[in-house]
PDB file of all heavy atoms in Angstrom:
ATOM      1  N   HIS A   1       2.150   4.424  -5.253  1.00  0.00           N
ATOM      2  CA  HIS A   1       3.294   4.951  -4.779  1.00  0.00           C
ATOM      3  C   HIS A   1       3.101   6.192  -3.850  1.00  0.00           C
ATOM      4  O   HIS A   1       3.770   7.283  -3.998  1.00  0.00           O
ATOM      5  CB  HIS A   1       4.156   5.447  -6.053  1.00  0.00           C
ATOM      6  CG  HIS A   1       5.642   5.383  -5.820  1.00  0.00           C
ATOM      7  ND1 HIS A   1       6.349   6.437  -5.259  1.00  0.00           N
ATOM      8  CD2 HIS A   1       6.634   4.386  -6.026  1.00  0.00           C
ATOM      9  CE1 HIS A   1       7.641   6.173  -5.177  1.00  0.00           C
ATOM     10  NE2 HIS A   1       7.838   4.863  -5.404  1.00  0.00           N
ATOM     11  N   ILE A   2       2.226   5.948  -2.872  1.00  0.00           N
ATOM     12  CA  ILE A   2       1.830   7.052  -1.891  1.00  0.00           C
ATOM     13  C   ILE A   2       2.820   7.172  -0.825  1.00  0.00           C
ATOM     14  O   ILE A   2       3.526   6.247  -0.454  1.00  0.00           O
ATOM     15  CB  ILE A   2       0.437   6.778  -1.552  1.00  0.00           C
ATOM     16  CG1 ILE A   2       0.296   5.464  -0.604  1.00  0.00           C
ATOM     17  CG2 ILE A   2      -0.580   6.676  -2.615  1.00  0.00           C
ATOM     18  CD1 ILE A   2      -0.879   5.277   0.179  1.00  0.00           C
ATOM     19  N   ARG A   3       2.785   8.264  -0.295  1.00  0.00           N
ATOM     20  CA  ARG A   3       3.499   8.606   0.977  1.00  0.00           C
ATOM     21  C   ARG A   3       2.707   8.175   2.228  1.00  0.00           C
ATOM     22  O   ARG A   3       1.448   8.273   2.345  1.00  0.00           O
ATOM     23  CB  ARG A   3       3.696  10.096   1.106  1.00  0.00           C
ATOM     24  CG  ARG A   3       4.709  10.662   0.144  1.00  0.00           C
ATOM     25  CD  ARG A   3       5.124  12.071   0.240  1.00  0.00           C
ATOM     26  NE  ARG A   3       6.071  12.422  -0.702  1.00  0.00           N
ATOM     27  CZ  ARG A   3       7.435  12.141  -0.639  1.00  0.00           C
ATOM     28  NH1 ARG A   3       7.926  11.500   0.388  1.00  0.00           N
ATOM     29  NH2 ARG A   3       8.213  12.715  -1.606  1.00  0.00           N
ATOM     30  N   LEU A   4       3.436   7.307   3.029  1.00  0.00           N
ATOM     31  CA  LEU A   4       2.791   6.695   4.208  1.00  0.00           C
ATOM     32  C   LEU A   4       3.042   7.494   5.420  1.00  0.00           C
ATOM     33  O   LEU A   4       2.428   7.191   6.492  1.00  0.00           O
ATOM     34  CB  LEU A   4       3.287   5.229   4.303  1.00  0.00           C
ATOM     35  CG  LEU A   4       3.007   4.363   3.194  1.00  0.00           C
ATOM     36  CD1 LEU A   4       3.775   2.926   3.470  1.00  0.00           C
ATOM     37  CD2 LEU A   4       1.524   4.023   3.040  1.00  0.00           C
ATOM     38  N   GLY A   5       3.903   8.566   5.342  1.00  0.00           N
ATOM     39  CA  GLY A   5       4.369   9.144   6.621  1.00  0.00           C
ATOM     40  C   GLY A   5       3.307  10.178   7.224  1.00  0.00           C
ATOM     41  O   GLY A   5       3.366  10.410   8.415  1.00  0.00           O
ATOM     42  N   ASP A   6       2.316  10.704   6.456  1.00  0.00           N
ATOM     43  CA  ASP A   6       1.461  11.675   7.121  1.00  0.00           C
ATOM     44  C   ASP A   6       0.207  11.075   7.818  1.00  0.00           C
ATOM     45  O   ASP A   6      -0.695  11.769   8.356  1.00  0.00           O
ATOM     46  CB  ASP A   6       0.942  12.599   5.958  1.00  0.00           C
ATOM     47  CG  ASP A   6       0.142  11.920   4.816  1.00  0.00           C
ATOM     48  OD1 ASP A   6      -0.116  10.678   5.032  1.00  0.00           O
ATOM     49  OD2 ASP A   6      -0.207  12.552   3.859  1.00  0.00           O
ATOM     50  N   GLY A   7       0.149   9.639   7.712  1.00  0.00           N
ATOM     51  CA  GLY A   7      -1.007   9.003   8.415  1.00  0.00           C
ATOM     52  C   GLY A   7      -2.366   9.225   7.896  1.00  0.00           C
ATOM     53  O   GLY A   7      -3.315   9.134   8.710  1.00  0.00           O
ATOM     54  N   ASN A   8      -2.471   9.582   6.568  1.00  0.00           N
ATOM     55  CA  ASN A   8      -3.762   9.769   5.946  1.00  0.00           C
ATOM     56  C   ASN A   8      -4.451   8.511   5.757  1.00  0.00           C
ATOM     57  O   ASN A   8      -4.288   7.774   4.895  1.00  0.00           O
ATOM     58  CB  ASN A   8      -3.678  10.595   4.698  1.00  0.00           C
ATOM     59  CG  ASN A   8      -5.005  10.898   4.087  1.00  0.00           C
ATOM     60  OD1 ASN A   8      -5.915  10.227   4.192  1.00  0.00           O
ATOM     61  ND2 ASN A   8      -4.994  12.007   3.371  1.00  0.00           N
ATOM     62  N   MET A   9      -5.352   8.073   6.778  1.00  0.00           N
ATOM     63  CA  MET A   9      -5.812   6.763   6.810  1.00  0.00           C
ATOM     64  C   MET A   9      -6.847   6.483   5.708  1.00  0.00           C
ATOM     65  O   MET A   9      -6.914   5.397   5.183  1.00  0.00           O
ATOM     66  CB  MET A   9      -6.500   6.372   8.210  1.00  0.00           C
ATOM     67  CG  MET A   9      -5.403   6.341   9.417  1.00  0.00           C
ATOM     68  SD  MET A   9      -4.055   5.144   9.064  1.00  0.00           S
ATOM     69  CE  MET A   9      -5.060   3.620   8.807  1.00  0.00           C
ATOM     70  N   THR A  10      -7.530   7.587   5.219  1.00  0.00           N
ATOM     71  CA  THR A  10      -8.504   7.354   4.257  1.00  0.00           C
ATOM     72  C   THR A  10      -7.817   7.001   2.915  1.00  0.00           C
ATOM     73  O   THR A  10      -8.166   6.039   2.325  1.00  0.00           O
ATOM     74  CB  THR A  10      -9.354   8.564   3.970  1.00  0.00           C
ATOM     75  OG1 THR A  10     -10.130   8.903   5.177  1.00  0.00           O
ATOM     76  CG2 THR A  10     -10.340   8.494   2.877  1.00  0.00           C
ATOM     77  N   ARG A  11      -6.604   7.659   2.684  1.00  0.00           N
ATOM     78  CA  ARG A  11      -6.001   7.442   1.405  1.00  0.00           C
ATOM     79  C   ARG A  11      -5.195   6.027   1.535  1.00  0.00           C
ATOM     80  O   ARG A  11      -5.197   5.291   0.604  1.00  0.00           O
ATOM     81  CB  ARG A  11      -4.955   8.524   1.150  1.00  0.00           C
ATOM     82  CG  ARG A  11      -4.363   8.325  -0.218  1.00  0.00           C
ATOM     83  CD  ARG A  11      -3.185   9.448  -0.496  1.00  0.00           C
ATOM     84  NE  ARG A  11      -2.070   9.331   0.462  1.00  0.00           N
ATOM     85  CZ  ARG A  11      -1.653  10.277   1.244  1.00  0.00           C
ATOM     86  NH1 ARG A  11      -2.476  11.324   1.429  1.00  0.00           N
ATOM     87  NH2 ARG A  11      -0.725  10.015   2.049  1.00  0.00           N
ATOM     88  N   ILE A  12      -4.473   5.713   2.698  1.00  0.00           N
ATOM     89  CA  ILE A  12      -3.901   4.559   2.928  1.00  0.00           C
ATOM     90  C   ILE A  12      -4.804   3.339   2.798  1.00  0.00           C
ATOM     91  O   ILE A  12      -4.379   2.344   2.076  1.00  0.00           O
ATOM     92  CB  ILE A  12      -3.231   4.549   4.164  1.00  0.00           C
ATOM     93  CG1 ILE A  12      -2.014   5.686   4.143  1.00  0.00           C
ATOM     94  CG2 ILE A  12      -2.628   3.200   4.493  1.00  0.00           C
ATOM     95  CD1 ILE A  12      -1.327   5.909   5.543  1.00  0.00           C
ATOM     96  N   GLN A  13      -5.927   3.326   3.376  1.00  0.00           N
ATOM     97  CA  GLN A  13      -6.866   2.295   3.241  1.00  0.00           C
ATOM     98  C   GLN A  13      -7.337   2.053   1.870  1.00  0.00           C
ATOM     99  O   GLN A  13      -7.387   0.881   1.353  1.00  0.00           O
ATOM    100  CB  GLN A  13      -8.100   2.487   4.235  1.00  0.00           C
ATOM    101  CG  GLN A  13      -7.605   2.299   5.687  1.00  0.00           C
ATOM    102  CD  GLN A  13      -8.826   2.674   6.575  1.00  0.00           C
ATOM    103  OE1 GLN A  13      -9.923   2.903   6.215  1.00  0.00           O
ATOM    104  NE2 GLN A  13      -8.473   2.811   7.882  1.00  0.00           N
ATOM    105  N   ALA A  14      -7.691   3.099   1.124  1.00  0.00           N
ATOM    106  CA  ALA A  14      -8.198   2.939  -0.274  1.00  0.00           C
ATOM    107  C   ALA A  14      -7.200   2.402  -1.157  1.00  0.00           C
ATOM    108  O   ALA A  14      -7.382   1.564  -1.925  1.00  0.00           O
ATOM    109  CB  ALA A  14      -8.774   4.257  -0.649  1.00  0.00           C
ATOM    110  N   ASP A  15      -5.883   2.972  -1.001  1.00  0.00           N
ATOM    111  CA  ASP A  15      -4.808   2.527  -1.768  1.00  0.00           C
ATOM    112  C   ASP A  15      -4.514   1.075  -1.425  1.00  0.00           C
ATOM    113  O   ASP A  15      -4.165   0.272  -2.514  1.00  0.00           O
ATOM    114  CB  ASP A  15      -3.582   3.257  -1.467  1.00  0.00           C
ATOM    115  CG  ASP A  15      -2.420   2.904  -2.322  1.00  0.00           C
ATOM    116  OD1 ASP A  15      -1.586   1.973  -1.953  1.00  0.00           O
ATOM    117  OD2 ASP A  15      -2.127   3.562  -3.381  1.00  0.00           O
ATOM    118  N   THR A  16      -4.560   0.567  -0.286  1.00  0.00           N
ATOM    119  CA  THR A  16      -4.205  -0.830   0.006  1.00  0.00           C
ATOM    120  C   THR A  16      -5.251  -1.761  -0.552  1.00  0.00           C
ATOM    121  O   THR A  16      -4.953  -2.808  -1.085  1.00  0.00           O
ATOM    122  CB  THR A  16      -4.119  -1.026   1.513  1.00  0.00           C
ATOM    123  OG1 THR A  16      -3.134  -0.088   2.032  1.00  0.00           O
ATOM    124  CG2 THR A  16      -3.645  -2.436   1.847  1.00  0.00           C
ATOM    125  N   GLU A  17      -6.506  -1.332  -0.393  1.00  0.00           N
ATOM    126  CA  GLU A  17      -7.551  -2.172  -0.966  1.00  0.00           C
ATOM    127  C   GLU A  17      -7.442  -2.311  -2.561  1.00  0.00           C
ATOM    128  O   GLU A  17      -7.704  -3.357  -3.100  1.00  0.00           O
ATOM    129  CB  GLU A  17      -9.016  -1.486  -0.633  1.00  0.00           C
ATOM    130  CG  GLU A  17      -9.274  -1.660   0.792  1.00  0.00           C
ATOM    131  CD  GLU A  17     -10.523  -0.890   1.271  1.00  0.00           C
ATOM    132  OE1 GLU A  17     -11.213  -0.398   0.288  1.00  0.00           O
ATOM    133  OE2 GLU A  17     -10.853  -0.782   2.411  1.00  0.00           O
ATOM    134  N   ARG A  18      -7.109  -1.290  -3.106  1.00  0.00           N
ATOM    135  CA  ARG A  18      -6.913  -1.234  -4.575  1.00  0.00           C
ATOM    136  C   ARG A  18      -5.647  -2.171  -5.006  1.00  0.00           C
ATOM    137  O   ARG A  18      -5.784  -2.828  -5.957  1.00  0.00           O
ATOM    138  CB  ARG A  18      -6.692   0.098  -5.083  1.00  0.00           C
ATOM    139  CG  ARG A  18      -7.116   0.287  -6.525  1.00  0.00           C
ATOM    140  CD  ARG A  18      -7.200   1.736  -6.899  1.00  0.00           C
ATOM    141  NE  ARG A  18      -7.642   1.992  -8.226  1.00  0.00           N
ATOM    142  CZ  ARG A  18      -7.801   3.132  -8.807  1.00  0.00           C
ATOM    143  NH1 ARG A  18      -7.701   4.165  -8.060  1.00  0.00           N
ATOM    144  NH2 ARG A  18      -8.056   3.303 -10.086  1.00  0.00           N
ATOM    145  N   TRP A  19      -4.612  -2.089  -4.177  1.00  0.00           N
ATOM    146  CA  TRP A  19      -3.505  -2.824  -4.488  1.00  0.00           C
ATOM    147  C   TRP A  19      -3.737  -4.363  -4.362  1.00  0.00           C
ATOM    148  O   TRP A  19      -3.497  -5.181  -5.294  1.00  0.00           O
ATOM    149  CB  TRP A  19      -2.390  -2.529  -3.578  1.00  0.00           C
ATOM    150  CG  TRP A  19      -0.994  -3.304  -4.114  1.00  0.00           C
ATOM    151  CD1 TRP A  19      -0.069  -2.699  -4.857  1.00  0.00           C
ATOM    152  CD2 TRP A  19      -0.550  -4.639  -3.741  1.00  0.00           C
ATOM    153  NE1 TRP A  19       0.969  -3.645  -5.105  1.00  0.00           N
ATOM    154  CE2 TRP A  19       0.671  -4.814  -4.487  1.00  0.00           C
ATOM    155  CE3 TRP A  19      -1.169  -5.536  -3.010  1.00  0.00           C
ATOM    156  CZ2 TRP A  19       1.324  -6.058  -4.358  1.00  0.00           C
ATOM    157  CZ3 TRP A  19      -0.468  -6.822  -2.935  1.00  0.00           C
ATOM    158  CH2 TRP A  19       0.894  -6.970  -3.654  1.00  0.00           C
ATOM    159  N   LEU A  20      -4.479  -4.613  -3.278  1.00  0.00           N
ATOM    160  CA  LEU A  20      -4.950  -6.209  -3.092  1.00  0.00           C
ATOM    161  C   LEU A  20      -5.790  -6.575  -4.238  1.00  0.00           C
ATOM    162  O   LEU A  20      -5.716  -7.673  -4.625  1.00  0.00           O
ATOM    163  CB  LEU A  20      -5.537  -6.289  -1.748  1.00  0.00           C
ATOM    164  CG  LEU A  20      -4.715  -6.097  -0.515  1.00  0.00           C
ATOM    165  CD1 LEU A  20      -5.446  -6.004   0.752  1.00  0.00           C
ATOM    166  CD2 LEU A  20      -3.609  -7.118  -0.430  1.00  0.00           C
ATOM    167  N   ASP A  21      -6.784  -5.712  -4.642  1.00  0.00           N
ATOM    168  CA  ASP A  21      -7.601  -6.100  -5.703  1.00  0.00           C
ATOM    169  C   ASP A  21      -7.004  -6.260  -7.126  1.00  0.00           C
ATOM    170  O   ASP A  21      -7.335  -7.158  -7.795  1.00  0.00           O
ATOM    171  CB  ASP A  21      -8.840  -4.992  -5.763  1.00  0.00           C
ATOM    172  CG  ASP A  21      -9.769  -5.358  -6.846  1.00  0.00           C
ATOM    173  OD1 ASP A  21     -10.381  -6.501  -6.871  1.00  0.00           O
ATOM    174  OD2 ASP A  21     -10.077  -4.442  -7.664  1.00  0.00           O
ATOM    175  N   GLU A  22      -6.187  -5.187  -7.441  1.00  0.00           N
ATOM    176  CA  GLU A  22      -5.725  -5.168  -8.876  1.00  0.00           C
ATOM    177  C   GLU A  22      -4.320  -5.882  -9.016  1.00  0.00           C
ATOM    178  O   GLU A  22      -3.944  -6.315 -10.029  1.00  0.00           O
ATOM    179  CB  GLU A  22      -5.652  -3.656  -9.199  1.00  0.00           C
ATOM    180  CG  GLU A  22      -6.990  -3.040  -9.382  1.00  0.00           C
ATOM    181  CD  GLU A  22      -6.891  -1.603 -10.012  1.00  0.00           C
ATOM    182  OE1 GLU A  22      -5.796  -1.402 -10.630  1.00  0.00           O
ATOM    183  OE2 GLU A  22      -7.793  -0.915  -9.980  1.00  0.00           O
ATOM    184  N   VAL A  23      -3.531  -5.857  -7.910  1.00  0.00           N
ATOM    185  CA  VAL A  23      -2.113  -6.421  -7.997  1.00  0.00           C
ATOM    186  C   VAL A  23      -2.115  -7.821  -7.239  1.00  0.00           C
ATOM    187  O   VAL A  23      -1.660  -8.844  -7.726  1.00  0.00           O
ATOM    188  CB  VAL A  23      -1.054  -5.473  -7.511  1.00  0.00           C
ATOM    189  CG1 VAL A  23       0.259  -6.167  -7.775  1.00  0.00           C
ATOM    190  CG2 VAL A  23      -1.238  -4.083  -8.303  1.00  0.00           C
ATOM    191  N   GLY A  24      -2.594  -7.763  -5.995  1.00  0.00           N
ATOM    192  CA  GLY A  24      -2.577  -8.971  -5.223  1.00  0.00           C
ATOM    193  C   GLY A  24      -3.360 -10.051  -5.701  1.00  0.00           C
ATOM    194  O   GLY A  24      -2.929 -11.339  -5.658  1.00  0.00           O
ATOM    195  N   SER A  25      -4.417  -9.691  -6.393  1.00  0.00           N
ATOM    196  CA  SER A  25      -5.260 -10.863  -7.055  1.00  0.00           C
ATOM    197  C   SER A  25      -4.534 -11.571  -8.178  1.00  0.00           C
ATOM    198  O   SER A  25      -4.836 -12.618  -8.605  1.00  0.00           O
ATOM    199  CB  SER A  25      -6.578 -10.193  -7.645  1.00  0.00           C
ATOM    200  OG  SER A  25      -6.176  -9.226  -8.715  1.00  0.00           O
ATOM    201  N   LEU A  26      -3.372 -10.927  -8.743  1.00  0.00           N
ATOM    202  CA  LEU A  26      -2.641 -11.539  -9.829  1.00  0.00           C
ATOM    203  C   LEU A  26      -1.425 -12.226  -9.205  1.00  0.00           C
ATOM    204  O   LEU A  26      -1.066 -13.294  -9.475  1.00  0.00           O
ATOM    205  CB  LEU A  26      -2.137 -10.422 -10.718  1.00  0.00           C
ATOM    206  CG  LEU A  26      -3.351  -9.958 -11.645  1.00  0.00           C
ATOM    207  CD1 LEU A  26      -2.808  -8.651 -12.469  1.00  0.00           C
ATOM    208  CD2 LEU A  26      -3.736 -10.971 -12.741  1.00  0.00           C
ATOM    209  N   VAL A  27      -0.682 -11.573  -8.290  1.00  0.00           N
ATOM    210  CA  VAL A  27       0.630 -12.027  -7.824  1.00  0.00           C
ATOM    211  C   VAL A  27       0.470 -13.005  -6.669  1.00  0.00           C
ATOM    212  O   VAL A  27       1.420 -13.726  -6.218  1.00  0.00           O
ATOM    213  CB  VAL A  27       1.610 -10.955  -7.498  1.00  0.00           C
ATOM    214  CG1 VAL A  27       1.928 -10.120  -8.776  1.00  0.00           C
ATOM    215  CG2 VAL A  27       1.260 -10.044  -6.377  1.00  0.00           C
ATOM    216  N   GLY A  28      -0.697 -12.939  -5.988  1.00  0.00           N
ATOM    217  CA  GLY A  28      -0.995 -13.779  -4.753  1.00  0.00           C
ATOM    218  C   GLY A  28      -0.529 -13.041  -3.539  1.00  0.00           C
ATOM    219  O   GLY A  28      -0.117 -11.932  -3.458  1.00  0.00           O
ATOM    220  N   GLU A  29      -0.634 -13.666  -2.400  1.00  0.00           N
ATOM    221  CA  GLU A  29      -0.402 -13.083  -1.072  1.00  0.00           C
ATOM    222  C   GLU A  29       1.016 -12.754  -0.869  1.00  0.00           C
ATOM    223  O   GLU A  29       1.881 -13.480  -1.398  1.00  0.00           O
ATOM    224  CB  GLU A  29      -0.885 -14.029  -0.053  1.00  0.00           C
ATOM    225  CG  GLU A  29      -2.389 -14.280   0.012  1.00  0.00           C
ATOM    226  CD  GLU A  29      -2.868 -15.112   1.259  1.00  0.00           C
ATOM    227  OE1 GLU A  29      -1.937 -15.451   2.083  1.00  0.00           O
ATOM    228  OE2 GLU A  29      -3.970 -15.323   1.447  1.00  0.00           O
ATOM    229  N   THR A  30       1.274 -11.637  -0.260  1.00  0.00           N
ATOM    230  CA  THR A  30       2.682 -11.310   0.117  1.00  0.00           C
ATOM    231  C   THR A  30       2.700 -10.808   1.572  1.00  0.00           C
ATOM    232  O   THR A  30       1.750 -10.099   1.904  1.00  0.00           O
ATOM    233  CB  THR A  30       3.236 -10.288  -0.850  1.00  0.00           C
ATOM    234  OG1 THR A  30       4.570 -10.054  -0.440  1.00  0.00           O
ATOM    235  CG2 THR A  30       2.447  -9.028  -0.949  1.00  0.00           C
ATOM    236  N   LYS A  31       3.732 -10.936   2.198  1.00  0.00           N
ATOM    237  CA  LYS A  31       4.010 -10.307   3.547  1.00  0.00           C
ATOM    238  C   LYS A  31       5.009  -9.171   3.460  1.00  0.00           C
ATOM    239  O   LYS A  31       5.355  -8.611   4.538  1.00  0.00           O
ATOM    240  CB  LYS A  31       4.447 -11.363   4.470  1.00  0.00           C
ATOM    241  CG  LYS A  31       3.610 -12.492   4.826  1.00  0.00           C
ATOM    242  CD  LYS A  31       4.170 -13.547   5.738  1.00  0.00           C
ATOM    243  CE  LYS A  31       3.205 -14.656   5.998  1.00  0.00           C
ATOM    244  NZ  LYS A  31       3.648 -15.752   7.013  1.00  0.00           N
ATOM    245  N   ILE A  32       5.340  -8.817   2.329  1.00  0.00           N
ATOM    246  CA  ILE A  32       6.475  -7.781   2.157  1.00  0.00           C
ATOM    247  C   ILE A  32       5.873  -6.491   1.606  1.00  0.00           C
ATOM    248  O   ILE A  32       5.198  -6.487   0.571  1.00  0.00           O
ATOM    249  CB  ILE A  32       7.516  -8.323   1.187  1.00  0.00           C
ATOM    250  CG1 ILE A  32       7.810  -9.711   1.375  1.00  0.00           C
ATOM    251  CG2 ILE A  32       8.796  -7.416   1.313  1.00  0.00           C
ATOM    252  CD1 ILE A  32       8.394 -10.103   2.827  1.00  0.00           C
ATOM    253  N   LEU A  33       6.160  -5.396   2.381  1.00  0.00           N
ATOM    254  CA  LEU A  33       5.775  -4.005   1.976  1.00  0.00           C
ATOM    255  C   LEU A  33       6.984  -3.240   1.795  1.00  0.00           C
ATOM    256  O   LEU A  33       7.840  -3.001   2.871  1.00  0.00           O
ATOM    257  CB  LEU A  33       4.873  -3.421   2.938  1.00  0.00           C
ATOM    258  CG  LEU A  33       4.317  -2.001   2.547  1.00  0.00           C
ATOM    259  CD1 LEU A  33       3.559  -1.906   1.292  1.00  0.00           C
ATOM    260  CD2 LEU A  33       3.604  -1.403   3.776  1.00  0.00           C
ATOM    261  N   PHE A  34       7.199  -2.618   0.608  1.00  0.00           N
ATOM    262  CA  PHE A  34       8.353  -1.709   0.446  1.00  0.00           C
ATOM    263  C   PHE A  34       7.842  -0.177   0.407  1.00  0.00           C
ATOM    264  O   PHE A  34       6.978   0.092  -0.356  1.00  0.00           O
ATOM    265  CB  PHE A  34       9.020  -1.988  -0.891  1.00  0.00           C
ATOM    266  CG  PHE A  34       9.487  -3.493  -1.064  1.00  0.00           C
ATOM    267  CD1 PHE A  34       8.799  -4.451  -1.586  1.00  0.00           C
ATOM    268  CD2 PHE A  34      10.840  -3.715  -0.610  1.00  0.00           C
ATOM    269  CE1 PHE A  34       9.315  -5.691  -1.612  1.00  0.00           C
ATOM    270  CE2 PHE A  34      11.354  -5.056  -0.621  1.00  0.00           C
ATOM    271  CZ  PHE A  34      10.549  -6.091  -1.083  1.00  0.00           C
ATOM    272  N   TYR A  35       8.407   0.515   1.399  1.00  0.00           N
ATOM    273  CA  TYR A  35       7.834   1.923   1.451  1.00  0.00           C
ATOM    274  C   TYR A  35       8.214   2.876   0.130  1.00  0.00           C
ATOM    275  O   TYR A  35       9.428   2.965  -0.032  1.00  0.00           O
ATOM    276  CB  TYR A  35       8.476   2.565   2.631  1.00  0.00           C
ATOM    277  CG  TYR A  35       8.240   2.026   3.991  1.00  0.00           C
ATOM    278  CD1 TYR A  35       9.047   2.204   5.054  1.00  0.00           C
ATOM    279  CD2 TYR A  35       7.059   1.144   4.371  1.00  0.00           C
ATOM    280  CE1 TYR A  35       8.847   1.628   6.308  1.00  0.00           C
ATOM    281  CE2 TYR A  35       6.859   0.557   5.636  1.00  0.00           C
ATOM    282  CZ  TYR A  35       7.757   0.822   6.534  1.00  0.00           C
ATOM    283  OH  TYR A  35       7.605   0.231   7.829  1.00  0.00           O
ATOM    284  N   PRO A  36       7.212   3.448  -0.440  1.00  0.00           N
ATOM    285  CA  PRO A  36       7.478   4.407  -1.490  1.00  0.00           C
ATOM    286  C   PRO A  36       8.356   5.499  -0.843  1.00  0.00           C
ATOM    287  O   PRO A  36       8.018   5.934   0.353  1.00  0.00           O
ATOM    288  CB  PRO A  36       6.114   4.813  -1.861  1.00  0.00           C
ATOM    289  CG  PRO A  36       5.289   3.635  -1.548  1.00  0.00           C
ATOM    290  CD  PRO A  36       5.751   3.101  -0.245  1.00  0.00           C
ATOM    291  N   HIS A  37       9.225   5.978  -1.598  1.00  0.00           N
ATOM    292  CA  HIS A  37      10.090   7.132  -1.156  1.00  0.00           C
ATOM    293  C   HIS A  37      10.981   6.638   0.124  1.00  0.00           C
ATOM    294  O   HIS A  37      11.612   7.603   0.720  1.00  0.00           O
ATOM    295  CB  HIS A  37       9.370   8.343  -0.894  1.00  0.00           C
ATOM    296  CG  HIS A  37       8.258   8.653  -2.034  1.00  0.00           C
ATOM    297  ND1 HIS A  37       8.608   9.208  -3.160  1.00  0.00           N
ATOM    298  CD2 HIS A  37       6.937   8.490  -1.937  1.00  0.00           C
ATOM    299  CE1 HIS A  37       7.565   9.337  -3.835  1.00  0.00           C
ATOM    300  NE2 HIS A  37       6.482   8.843  -3.105  1.00  0.00           N
ATOM    301  N   GLY A  38      10.860   5.484   0.568  1.00  0.00           N
ATOM    302  CA  GLY A  38      11.587   5.073   1.847  1.00  0.00           C
ATOM    303  C   GLY A  38      10.856   5.709   3.006  1.00  0.00           C
ATOM    304  O   GLY A  38      11.232   5.691   4.164  1.00  0.00           O
ATOM    305  N   GLU A  39       9.622   6.284   2.947  1.00  0.00           N
ATOM    306  CA  GLU A  39       8.965   6.961   3.917  1.00  0.00           C
ATOM    307  C   GLU A  39       8.171   6.159   4.934  1.00  0.00           C
ATOM    308  O   GLU A  39       7.387   5.347   4.420  1.00  0.00           O
ATOM    309  CB  GLU A  39       8.009   8.039   3.288  1.00  0.00           C
ATOM    310  CG  GLU A  39       7.457   8.937   4.302  1.00  0.00           C
ATOM    311  CD  GLU A  39       6.608  10.068   3.596  1.00  0.00           C
ATOM    312  OE1 GLU A  39       7.192  10.931   2.963  1.00  0.00           O
ATOM    313  OE2 GLU A  39       5.311   9.951   3.583  1.00  0.00           O
ATOM    314  N   ARG A  40       8.442   6.167   6.113  1.00  0.00           N
ATOM    315  CA  ARG A  40       7.939   5.157   7.185  1.00  0.00           C
ATOM    316  C   ARG A  40       6.594   5.520   7.582  1.00  0.00           C
ATOM    317  O   ARG A  40       6.149   6.806   7.696  1.00  0.00           O
ATOM    318  CB  ARG A  40       8.929   5.260   8.360  1.00  0.00           C
ATOM    319  CG  ARG A  40      10.338   4.828   7.985  1.00  0.00           C
ATOM    320  CD  ARG A  40      11.231   4.890   9.235  1.00  0.00           C
ATOM    321  NE  ARG A  40      12.604   4.789   8.673  1.00  0.00           N
ATOM    322  CZ  ARG A  40      13.193   3.674   8.546  1.00  0.00           C
ATOM    323  NH1 ARG A  40      12.584   2.550   8.736  1.00  0.00           N
ATOM    324  NH2 ARG A  40      14.501   3.504   8.101  1.00  0.00           N
ATOM    325  N   PRO A  41       5.768   4.665   7.716  1.00  0.00           N
ATOM    326  CA  PRO A  41       4.234   4.905   8.233  1.00  0.00           C
ATOM    327  C   PRO A  41       4.233   5.689   9.432  1.00  0.00           C
ATOM    328  O   PRO A  41       5.129   5.469  10.344  1.00  0.00           O
ATOM    329  CB  PRO A  41       3.772   3.470   8.446  1.00  0.00           C
ATOM    330  CG  PRO A  41       4.524   2.592   7.568  1.00  0.00           C
ATOM    331  CD  PRO A  41       5.875   3.246   7.555  1.00  0.00           C
TER     332      PRO A  41
END
């Protein structure tokens, strides 16, 4: 549930990899991303 607006690429990349590994591996591929806090990348 991270903020995407500050452009912290190290955190964003690590978080995305973790989501794909722990969540995406269960629910399957998705093309939909919902911004936490509504905050735009």
